[in-house]
């Protein structure tokens, strides 16, 4: 069964998304943005217990993968999760995987015969 590829998202683009999510701290950032919506850097840094410098590093990796969008609002830098991009990275797999074959259960009689 062939996997469908979402238009505009190449295998290389999808790999960048997964590579960006290979760090637990970046997964925490994505989880927080998914749960609370757009947040500024100081909010995220306080919530995650990291420095602004470390947060900015992780933001850049997520932005390069296309997972977050940064926008200046006054003096704040707001970060927004791009859910469409995240879903596009895994969209070809959802609902298109082959069902797992159920294991055959051996009955008590079958186990006794096998001995």
N, C-alpha and C. Protein backbone atom coordinates (compact mmCIF):
# COMPACT_ATOMS: atom_id res chain seq x y z
N UNK A 1 0.86 -1.18 0.00
CA UNK A 1 0.00 0.00 0.00
C UNK A 1 0.90 1.23 0.00
N UNK A 2 0.72 2.11 -0.94
CA UNK A 2 1.55 3.31 -1.05
C UNK A 2 1.08 4.38 -0.07
N UNK A 3 2.05 5.10 0.46
CA UNK A 3 1.73 6.20 1.37
C UNK A 3 1.48 7.46 0.55
N UNK A 4 0.46 8.18 0.89
CA UNK A 4 0.16 9.44 0.21
C UNK A 4 1.12 10.51 0.72
N UNK A 5 1.57 11.35 -0.19
CA UNK A 5 2.42 12.47 0.19
C UNK A 5 1.58 13.74 0.09
N UNK A 6 1.60 14.53 1.13
CA UNK A 6 0.88 15.80 1.10
C UNK A 6 1.53 16.72 0.10
N UNK A 7 0.73 17.43 -0.69
CA UNK A 7 1.24 18.36 -1.68
C UNK A 7 2.12 19.41 -1.02
N UNK A 8 3.29 19.65 -1.61
CA UNK A 8 4.16 20.71 -1.12
C UNK A 8 5.08 20.32 0.02
N UNK A 9 4.97 19.16 0.57
CA UNK A 9 5.83 18.76 1.68
C UNK A 9 6.62 17.54 1.24
N UNK A 10 7.89 17.76 0.91
CA UNK A 10 8.74 16.67 0.43
C UNK A 10 9.20 15.80 1.59
N UNK A 11 9.80 14.69 1.25
CA UNK A 11 10.36 13.81 2.28
C UNK A 11 11.43 14.55 3.08
N UNK A 12 12.21 15.40 2.40
CA UNK A 12 13.24 16.17 3.10
C UNK A 12 12.61 17.17 4.08
N UNK A 13 11.52 17.82 3.66
CA UNK A 13 10.82 18.75 4.56
C UNK A 13 10.27 18.01 5.77
N UNK A 14 9.72 16.84 5.53
CA UNK A 14 9.16 16.05 6.63
C UNK A 14 10.26 15.61 7.58
N UNK A 15 11.42 15.25 7.03
CA UNK A 15 12.56 14.84 7.87
C UNK A 15 13.03 16.00 8.74
N UNK A 16 13.00 17.23 8.22
CA UNK A 16 13.37 18.40 9.01
C UNK A 16 12.44 18.57 10.21
N UNK A 17 11.15 18.31 10.00
CA UNK A 17 10.18 18.41 11.09
C UNK A 17 10.52 17.39 12.17
N UNK A 18 10.75 16.15 11.77
CA UNK A 18 11.06 15.10 12.75
C UNK A 18 12.38 15.36 13.44
N UNK A 19 13.37 15.87 12.72
CA UNK A 19 14.66 16.18 13.33
C UNK A 19 14.49 17.29 14.37
N UNK A 20 13.68 18.30 14.04
CA UNK A 20 13.43 19.38 15.00
C UNK A 20 12.75 18.86 16.25
N UNK A 21 11.92 17.85 16.10
CA UNK A 21 11.20 17.29 17.25
C UNK A 21 11.99 16.20 17.97
N UNK A 22 13.24 15.99 17.58
CA UNK A 22 14.04 14.95 18.23
C UNK A 22 14.61 15.41 19.57
N UNK A 23 14.45 16.68 19.89
CA UNK A 23 14.94 17.20 21.17
C UNK A 23 13.76 17.35 22.13
N UNK A 24 13.85 16.78 23.32
CA UNK A 24 12.73 16.85 24.27
C UNK A 24 12.31 18.28 24.62
N UNK A 25 13.27 19.20 24.66
CA UNK A 25 12.94 20.60 25.00
C UNK A 25 12.06 21.22 23.90
N UNK A 26 12.36 20.88 22.66
CA UNK A 26 11.54 21.41 21.56
C UNK A 26 10.16 20.79 21.55
N UNK A 27 10.07 19.53 21.93
CA UNK A 27 8.76 18.90 22.06
C UNK A 27 7.97 19.59 23.16
N UNK A 28 8.63 19.97 24.25
CA UNK A 28 7.97 20.72 25.32
C UNK A 28 7.42 22.06 24.80
N UNK A 29 8.20 22.73 23.96
CA UNK A 29 7.76 24.01 23.40
C UNK A 29 6.53 23.80 22.53
N UNK A 30 6.57 22.80 21.67
CA UNK A 30 5.42 22.50 20.80
C UNK A 30 4.20 22.12 21.63
N UNK A 31 4.41 21.31 22.66
CA UNK A 31 3.29 20.93 23.54
C UNK A 31 2.67 22.15 24.19
N UNK A 32 3.50 23.07 24.68
CA UNK A 32 3.00 24.27 25.35
C UNK A 32 2.22 25.15 24.38
N UNK A 33 2.75 25.33 23.17
CA UNK A 33 2.05 26.15 22.18
C UNK A 33 0.74 25.50 21.75
N UNK A 34 0.73 24.18 21.65
CA UNK A 34 -0.50 23.48 21.28
C UNK A 34 -1.56 23.61 22.38
N UNK A 35 -1.11 23.58 23.62
CA UNK A 35 -2.03 23.63 24.76
C UNK A 35 -2.53 25.05 25.04
N UNK A 36 -1.60 26.03 25.00
CA UNK A 36 -1.94 27.39 25.42
C UNK A 36 -2.09 28.40 24.28
N UNK A 37 -1.77 28.01 23.07
CA UNK A 37 -1.84 28.95 21.95
C UNK A 37 -0.60 29.82 21.89
N UNK A 38 -0.62 30.88 21.08
CA UNK A 38 0.55 31.74 20.92
C UNK A 38 1.04 32.30 22.26
N UNK A 39 2.35 32.33 22.42
CA UNK A 39 2.96 32.83 23.65
C UNK A 39 4.20 33.65 23.32
N UNK A 40 4.55 34.55 24.21
CA UNK A 40 5.79 35.31 24.03
C UNK A 40 6.94 34.51 24.65
N UNK A 41 8.15 34.91 24.30
CA UNK A 41 9.33 34.19 24.76
C UNK A 41 9.47 34.11 26.27
N UNK A 42 9.17 35.21 26.96
CA UNK A 42 9.33 35.18 28.41
C UNK A 42 8.33 34.23 29.06
N UNK A 43 7.12 34.15 28.51
CA UNK A 43 6.13 33.21 29.04
C UNK A 43 6.62 31.78 28.89
N UNK A 44 7.08 31.45 27.68
CA UNK A 44 7.55 30.09 27.42
C UNK A 44 8.78 29.75 28.27
N UNK A 45 9.73 30.68 28.33
CA UNK A 45 10.94 30.43 29.11
C UNK A 45 10.61 30.19 30.58
N UNK A 46 9.71 31.01 31.13
CA UNK A 46 9.31 30.83 32.53
C UNK A 46 8.61 29.48 32.74
N UNK A 47 7.70 29.15 31.83
CA UNK A 47 6.95 27.90 31.96
C UNK A 47 7.87 26.69 31.88
N UNK A 48 8.87 26.74 30.99
CA UNK A 48 9.74 25.60 30.78
C UNK A 48 10.98 25.60 31.67
N UNK A 49 11.20 26.72 32.37
CA UNK A 49 12.34 26.81 33.26
C UNK A 49 13.68 26.88 32.54
N UNK A 50 13.72 27.59 31.42
CA UNK A 50 14.96 27.75 30.65
C UNK A 50 15.26 29.23 30.45
N UNK A 51 16.47 29.52 30.03
CA UNK A 51 16.84 30.91 29.76
C UNK A 51 16.26 31.35 28.41
N UNK A 52 16.16 32.65 28.24
CA UNK A 52 15.69 33.20 26.97
C UNK A 52 16.64 32.79 25.84
N UNK A 53 17.95 32.79 26.11
CA UNK A 53 18.93 32.41 25.09
C UNK A 53 18.71 30.98 24.61
N UNK A 54 18.48 30.06 25.54
CA UNK A 54 18.24 28.67 25.16
C UNK A 54 16.93 28.54 24.41
N UNK A 55 15.91 29.24 24.87
CA UNK A 55 14.62 29.21 24.19
C UNK A 55 14.76 29.71 22.75
N UNK A 56 15.50 30.81 22.57
CA UNK A 56 15.69 31.37 21.23
C UNK A 56 16.38 30.38 20.30
N UNK A 57 17.36 29.64 20.83
CA UNK A 57 18.03 28.61 20.02
C UNK A 57 17.01 27.57 19.55
N UNK A 58 16.19 27.08 20.45
CA UNK A 58 15.20 26.06 20.09
C UNK A 58 14.13 26.62 19.16
N UNK A 59 13.76 27.89 19.37
CA UNK A 59 12.80 28.55 18.48
C UNK A 59 13.31 28.55 17.05
N UNK A 60 14.60 28.87 16.88
CA UNK A 60 15.18 28.94 15.54
C UNK A 60 15.13 27.59 14.84
N UNK A 61 15.43 26.53 15.56
CA UNK A 61 15.39 25.18 14.97
C UNK A 61 13.95 24.85 14.56
N UNK A 62 12.99 25.15 15.42
CA UNK A 62 11.59 24.89 15.10
C UNK A 62 11.11 25.76 13.94
N UNK A 63 11.58 27.01 13.88
CA UNK A 63 11.20 27.91 12.80
C UNK A 63 11.79 27.44 11.47
N UNK A 64 13.04 26.98 11.48
CA UNK A 64 13.67 26.47 10.26
C UNK A 64 12.93 25.26 9.72
N UNK A 65 12.35 24.46 10.60
CA UNK A 65 11.57 23.29 10.19
C UNK A 65 10.15 23.69 9.78
N UNK A 66 9.80 24.95 10.01
CA UNK A 66 8.47 25.43 9.64
C UNK A 66 7.39 25.13 10.66
N UNK A 67 7.78 24.70 11.85
CA UNK A 67 6.79 24.34 12.87
C UNK A 67 6.25 25.52 13.65
N UNK A 68 7.04 26.58 13.77
CA UNK A 68 6.58 27.76 14.49
C UNK A 68 6.79 29.00 13.63
N UNK A 69 5.98 29.98 13.91
CA UNK A 69 6.10 31.28 13.26
C UNK A 69 6.30 32.31 14.35
N UNK A 70 7.29 33.18 14.15
CA UNK A 70 7.57 34.23 15.14
C UNK A 70 7.10 35.56 14.57
N UNK A 71 6.54 36.36 15.45
CA UNK A 71 6.03 37.66 15.03
C UNK A 71 6.30 38.67 16.14
N UNK A 72 6.75 39.85 15.75
CA UNK A 72 6.98 40.90 16.73
C UNK A 72 5.67 41.64 16.95
N UNK A 73 5.26 41.74 18.23
CA UNK A 73 4.07 42.49 18.63
C UNK A 73 4.55 43.48 19.68
N UNK A 74 4.74 44.73 19.26
CA UNK A 74 5.32 45.71 20.17
C UNK A 74 6.72 45.30 20.53
N UNK A 75 7.00 45.16 21.81
CA UNK A 75 8.32 44.72 22.25
C UNK A 75 8.41 43.20 22.42
N UNK A 76 7.32 42.51 22.24
CA UNK A 76 7.29 41.06 22.44
C UNK A 76 7.53 40.32 21.14
N UNK A 77 8.11 39.13 21.27
CA UNK A 77 8.22 38.20 20.14
C UNK A 77 7.23 37.08 20.44
N UNK A 78 6.16 37.03 19.67
CA UNK A 78 5.14 36.00 19.86
C UNK A 78 5.47 34.80 18.98
N UNK A 79 5.22 33.64 19.52
CA UNK A 79 5.49 32.39 18.81
C UNK A 79 4.18 31.64 18.64
N UNK A 80 3.93 31.20 17.41
CA UNK A 80 2.69 30.49 17.09
C UNK A 80 3.05 29.15 16.45
N UNK A 81 2.34 28.12 16.82
CA UNK A 81 2.55 26.78 16.26
C UNK A 81 1.83 26.68 14.92
N UNK A 82 2.50 26.12 13.93
CA UNK A 82 1.89 25.87 12.62
C UNK A 82 1.38 24.43 12.61
N UNK A 83 0.15 24.26 13.04
CA UNK A 83 -0.44 22.91 13.14
C UNK A 83 -0.57 22.24 11.78
N UNK A 84 -0.83 23.02 10.73
CA UNK A 84 -0.96 22.44 9.40
C UNK A 84 0.34 21.76 8.98
N UNK A 85 1.45 22.41 9.26
CA UNK A 85 2.76 21.85 8.91
C UNK A 85 3.01 20.57 9.70
N UNK A 86 2.68 20.61 10.98
CA UNK A 86 2.87 19.44 11.83
C UNK A 86 2.02 18.27 11.33
N UNK A 87 0.78 18.54 10.99
CA UNK A 87 -0.10 17.48 10.49
C UNK A 87 0.34 16.99 9.12
N UNK A 88 0.86 17.89 8.29
CA UNK A 88 1.33 17.49 6.96
C UNK A 88 2.51 16.53 7.04
N UNK A 89 3.32 16.70 8.06
CA UNK A 89 4.50 15.84 8.21
C UNK A 89 4.11 14.39 8.46
N UNK A 90 2.98 14.15 9.12
CA UNK A 90 2.55 12.79 9.42
C UNK A 90 1.28 12.39 8.69
N UNK A 91 0.69 13.31 7.95
CA UNK A 91 -0.60 13.08 7.32
C UNK A 91 -0.68 11.88 6.41
N UNK A 92 0.40 11.54 5.74
CA UNK A 92 0.37 10.40 4.83
C UNK A 92 0.28 9.07 5.53
N UNK A 93 0.60 9.05 6.81
CA UNK A 93 0.57 7.79 7.55
C UNK A 93 -0.76 7.54 8.24
N UNK A 94 -1.42 8.59 8.65
CA UNK A 94 -2.65 8.43 9.43
C UNK A 94 -3.73 7.82 8.56
N UNK A 95 -4.26 6.70 8.98
CA UNK A 95 -5.34 6.04 8.25
C UNK A 95 -4.88 5.23 7.05
N UNK A 96 -3.58 5.24 6.73
CA UNK A 96 -3.09 4.52 5.56
C UNK A 96 -2.14 3.39 5.90
N UNK A 97 -2.05 3.04 7.15
CA UNK A 97 -1.16 1.96 7.52
C UNK A 97 -1.93 0.65 7.50
N UNK A 98 -1.22 -0.40 7.22
CA UNK A 98 -1.84 -1.71 7.19
C UNK A 98 -2.21 -2.11 8.62
N UNK A 99 -3.38 -2.71 8.78
CA UNK A 99 -3.78 -3.12 10.14
C UNK A 99 -2.86 -4.23 10.64
N UNK A 100 -2.62 -4.22 11.92
CA UNK A 100 -1.80 -5.26 12.53
C UNK A 100 -2.54 -6.58 12.49
N UNK A 101 -1.80 -7.63 12.22
CA UNK A 101 -2.41 -8.96 12.20
C UNK A 101 -2.56 -9.44 13.63
N UNK A 102 -3.76 -9.86 14.00
CA UNK A 102 -3.94 -10.34 15.38
C UNK A 102 -3.19 -11.65 15.58
N UNK A 103 -2.63 -11.79 16.76
CA UNK A 103 -1.93 -13.03 17.09
C UNK A 103 -2.96 -14.09 17.39
N UNK A 104 -2.66 -15.29 16.94
CA UNK A 104 -3.56 -16.40 17.22
C UNK A 104 -3.36 -16.83 18.66
N UNK A 105 -4.46 -16.97 19.36
CA UNK A 105 -4.39 -17.41 20.75
C UNK A 105 -4.43 -18.93 20.76
N UNK A 106 -3.50 -19.46 21.49
CA UNK A 106 -3.48 -20.91 21.63
C UNK A 106 -4.37 -21.30 22.80
N UNK A 107 -5.20 -22.24 22.54
CA UNK A 107 -6.10 -22.71 23.59
C UNK A 107 -5.34 -23.64 24.53
N UNK A 108 -5.96 -23.94 25.63
CA UNK A 108 -5.37 -24.86 26.61
C UNK A 108 -5.16 -26.24 25.98
N UNK A 109 -6.11 -26.66 25.16
CA UNK A 109 -6.00 -27.97 24.50
C UNK A 109 -4.84 -27.97 23.51
N UNK A 110 -4.69 -26.89 22.72
CA UNK A 110 -3.62 -26.80 21.74
C UNK A 110 -2.26 -26.79 22.43
N UNK A 111 -2.17 -26.09 23.58
CA UNK A 111 -0.91 -26.06 24.31
C UNK A 111 -0.57 -27.45 24.86
N UNK A 112 -1.57 -28.16 25.31
CA UNK A 112 -1.35 -29.51 25.86
C UNK A 112 -0.89 -30.46 24.77
N UNK A 113 -1.47 -30.33 23.56
CA UNK A 113 -1.07 -31.20 22.43
C UNK A 113 0.36 -30.87 21.98
N UNK A 114 0.76 -29.60 22.11
CA UNK A 114 2.08 -29.17 21.66
C UNK A 114 3.19 -29.75 22.55
N UNK A 115 2.84 -30.15 23.73
CA UNK A 115 3.86 -30.69 24.68
C UNK A 115 4.18 -32.06 24.34
